[in-house]
């Protein structure tokens, strides 16, 4: 059902991919003036560091999937994207 609250745990996955995404998310969170760092800094206040890193990992994985499936280059909407929405 769509309205059911799941546990929020990520489940067992590929350890190599998980560690690569973790490193990429940490690097993205430390960069300045990027969309992913803005997402991280917004989420770290209310969710904490670990959950914010996991959210950034999910956004990176989603972006990579769409870049590969649609064969388009990477596009960074920028920091102001969150304010404009």
C-alpha atoms as a PDB file:
ATOM      1  CA  UNK A   1       0.000   0.000   0.000  1.00  0.00           C
ATOM      2  CA  UNK A   2       1.216   3.482  -0.816  1.00  0.00           C
ATOM      3  CA  UNK A   3       0.401   5.060   2.535  1.00  0.00           C
ATOM      4  CA  UNK A   4       2.062   2.391   4.673  1.00  0.00           C
ATOM      5  CA  UNK A   5       5.151   3.585   6.553  1.00  0.00           C
ATOM      6  CA  UNK A   6       8.119   1.392   5.779  1.00  0.00           C
ATOM      7  CA  UNK A   7      10.973   0.879   8.191  1.00  0.00           C
ATOM      8  CA  UNK A   8      13.305   3.093   6.176  1.00  0.00           C
ATOM      9  CA  UNK A   9      16.125   0.582   6.220  1.00  0.00           C
ATOM     10  CA  UNK A  10      18.027   0.148   2.985  1.00  0.00           C
ATOM     11  CA  UNK A  11      18.387  -3.624   3.027  1.00  0.00           C
ATOM     12  CA  UNK A  12      21.226  -5.784   1.846  1.00  0.00           C
ATOM     13  CA  UNK A  13      22.921  -4.628  -1.317  1.00  0.00           C
ATOM     14  CA  UNK A  14      26.236  -4.685  -3.082  1.00  0.00           C
ATOM     15  CA  UNK A  15      28.952  -3.763  -0.579  1.00  0.00           C
ATOM     16  CA  UNK A  16      31.252  -2.354  -3.258  1.00  0.00           C
ATOM     17  CA  UNK A  17      28.537  -0.090  -4.623  1.00  0.00           C
ATOM     18  CA  UNK A  18      27.482   0.992  -1.145  1.00  0.00           C
ATOM     19  CA  UNK A  19      31.010   1.991  -0.147  1.00  0.00           C
ATOM     20  CA  UNK A  20      31.567   3.826  -3.452  1.00  0.00           C
ATOM     21  CA  UNK A  21      28.294   5.725  -3.005  1.00  0.00           C
ATOM     22  CA  UNK A  22      29.218   6.543   0.590  1.00  0.00           C
ATOM     23  CA  UNK A  23      32.522   8.059  -0.486  1.00  0.00           C
ATOM     24  CA  UNK A  24      30.861   9.971  -3.324  1.00  0.00           C
ATOM     25  CA  UNK A  25      28.153  11.311  -1.008  1.00  0.00           C
ATOM     26  CA  UNK A  26      30.730  12.476   1.541  1.00  0.00           C
ATOM     27  CA  UNK A  27      32.696  14.227  -1.189  1.00  0.00           C
ATOM     28  CA  UNK A  28      29.531  15.817  -2.593  1.00  0.00           C
ATOM     29  CA  UNK A  29      28.515  17.045   0.861  1.00  0.00           C
ATOM     30  CA  UNK A  30      31.873  18.796   1.304  1.00  0.00           C
ATOM     31  CA  UNK A  31      31.755  20.575  -2.073  1.00  0.00           C
ATOM     32  CA  UNK A  32      30.585  24.169  -2.146  1.00  0.00           C
ATOM     33  CA  UNK A  33      27.754  25.648  -4.202  1.00  0.00           C
ATOM     34  CA  UNK A  34      26.328  22.382  -5.530  1.00  0.00           C
ATOM     35  CA  UNK A  35      22.862  20.886  -5.452  1.00  0.00           C
ATOM     36  CA  UNK A  36      23.932  17.799  -3.503  1.00  0.00           C
ATOM     37  CA  UNK A  37      25.707  19.825  -0.824  1.00  0.00           C
ATOM     38  CA  UNK A  38      22.591  21.975  -0.440  1.00  0.00           C
ATOM     39  CA  UNK A  39      20.479  18.825  -0.014  1.00  0.00           C
ATOM     40  CA  UNK A  40      22.930  17.508   2.570  1.00  0.00           C
ATOM     41  CA  UNK A  41      22.993  20.723   4.592  1.00  0.00           C
ATOM     42  CA  UNK A  42      19.202  20.964   4.590  1.00  0.00           C
ATOM     43  CA  UNK A  43      18.732  17.377   5.748  1.00  0.00           C
ATOM     44  CA  UNK A  44      21.538  17.194   8.309  1.00  0.00           C
ATOM     45  CA  UNK A  45      19.682  19.656  10.538  1.00  0.00           C
ATOM     46  CA  UNK A  46      16.515  17.610  10.916  1.00  0.00           C
ATOM     47  CA  UNK A  47      17.633  14.023  10.198  1.00  0.00           C
ATOM     48  CA  UNK A  48      21.241  13.879  11.309  1.00  0.00           C
ATOM     49  CA  UNK A  49      24.454  13.159   9.439  1.00  0.00           C
ATOM     50  CA  UNK A  50      23.938   9.475   8.697  1.00  0.00           C
ATOM     51  CA  UNK A  51      20.438   9.846   7.256  1.00  0.00           C
ATOM     52  CA  UNK A  52      21.495  12.893   5.243  1.00  0.00           C
ATOM     53  CA  UNK A  53      24.389  10.941   3.686  1.00  0.00           C
ATOM     54  CA  UNK A  54      22.018   8.092   2.800  1.00  0.00           C
ATOM     55  CA  UNK A  55      19.642  10.578   1.148  1.00  0.00           C
ATOM     56  CA  UNK A  56      22.514  12.041  -0.891  1.00  0.00           C
ATOM     57  CA  UNK A  57      23.556   8.509  -1.873  1.00  0.00           C
ATOM     58  CA  UNK A  58      20.050   7.855  -3.166  1.00  0.00           C
ATOM     59  CA  UNK A  59      20.079  11.080  -5.182  1.00  0.00           C
ATOM     60  CA  UNK A  60      23.458  10.212  -6.712  1.00  0.00           C
ATOM     61  CA  UNK A  61      22.271   6.730  -7.646  1.00  0.00           C
ATOM     62  CA  UNK A  62      19.082   8.123  -9.166  1.00  0.00           C
ATOM     63  CA  UNK A  63      21.049  10.712 -11.169  1.00  0.00           C
ATOM     64  CA  UNK A  64      23.466   8.070 -12.481  1.00  0.00           C
ATOM     65  CA  UNK A  65      20.580   5.828 -13.500  1.00  0.00           C
ATOM     66  CA  UNK A  66      18.873   8.614 -15.435  1.00  0.00           C
ATOM     67  CA  UNK A  67      22.123   9.711 -17.077  1.00  0.00           C
ATOM     68  CA  UNK A  68      22.816   6.175 -18.282  1.00  0.00           C
ATOM     69  CA  UNK A  69      19.267   5.335 -19.358  1.00  0.00           C
ATOM     70  CA  UNK A  70      18.628   8.612 -21.203  1.00  0.00           C
ATOM     71  CA  UNK A  71      22.245   9.053 -22.391  1.00  0.00           C
ATOM     72  CA  UNK A  72      22.416  12.661 -21.225  1.00  0.00           C
ATOM     73  CA  UNK A  73      25.266  14.493 -19.486  1.00  0.00           C
ATOM     74  CA  UNK A  74      25.229  15.402 -15.832  1.00  0.00           C
ATOM     75  CA  UNK A  75      23.275  18.548 -14.930  1.00  0.00           C
ATOM     76  CA  UNK A  76      23.661  20.347 -11.603  1.00  0.00           C
ATOM     77  CA  UNK A  77      20.649  22.590 -10.894  1.00  0.00           C
ATOM     78  CA  UNK A  78      22.678  24.541  -8.333  1.00  0.00           C
ATOM     79  CA  UNK A  79      22.117  25.704  -4.794  1.00  0.00           C
ATOM     80  CA  UNK A  80      19.266  28.067  -5.608  1.00  0.00           C
ATOM     81  CA  UNK A  81      17.154  25.246  -7.065  1.00  0.00           C
ATOM     82  CA  UNK A  82      15.747  24.369  -3.643  1.00  0.00           C
ATOM     83  CA  UNK A  83      14.789  27.991  -2.949  1.00  0.00           C
ATOM     84  CA  UNK A  84      13.115  28.409  -6.339  1.00  0.00           C
ATOM     85  CA  UNK A  85      10.895  25.385  -5.820  1.00  0.00           C
END
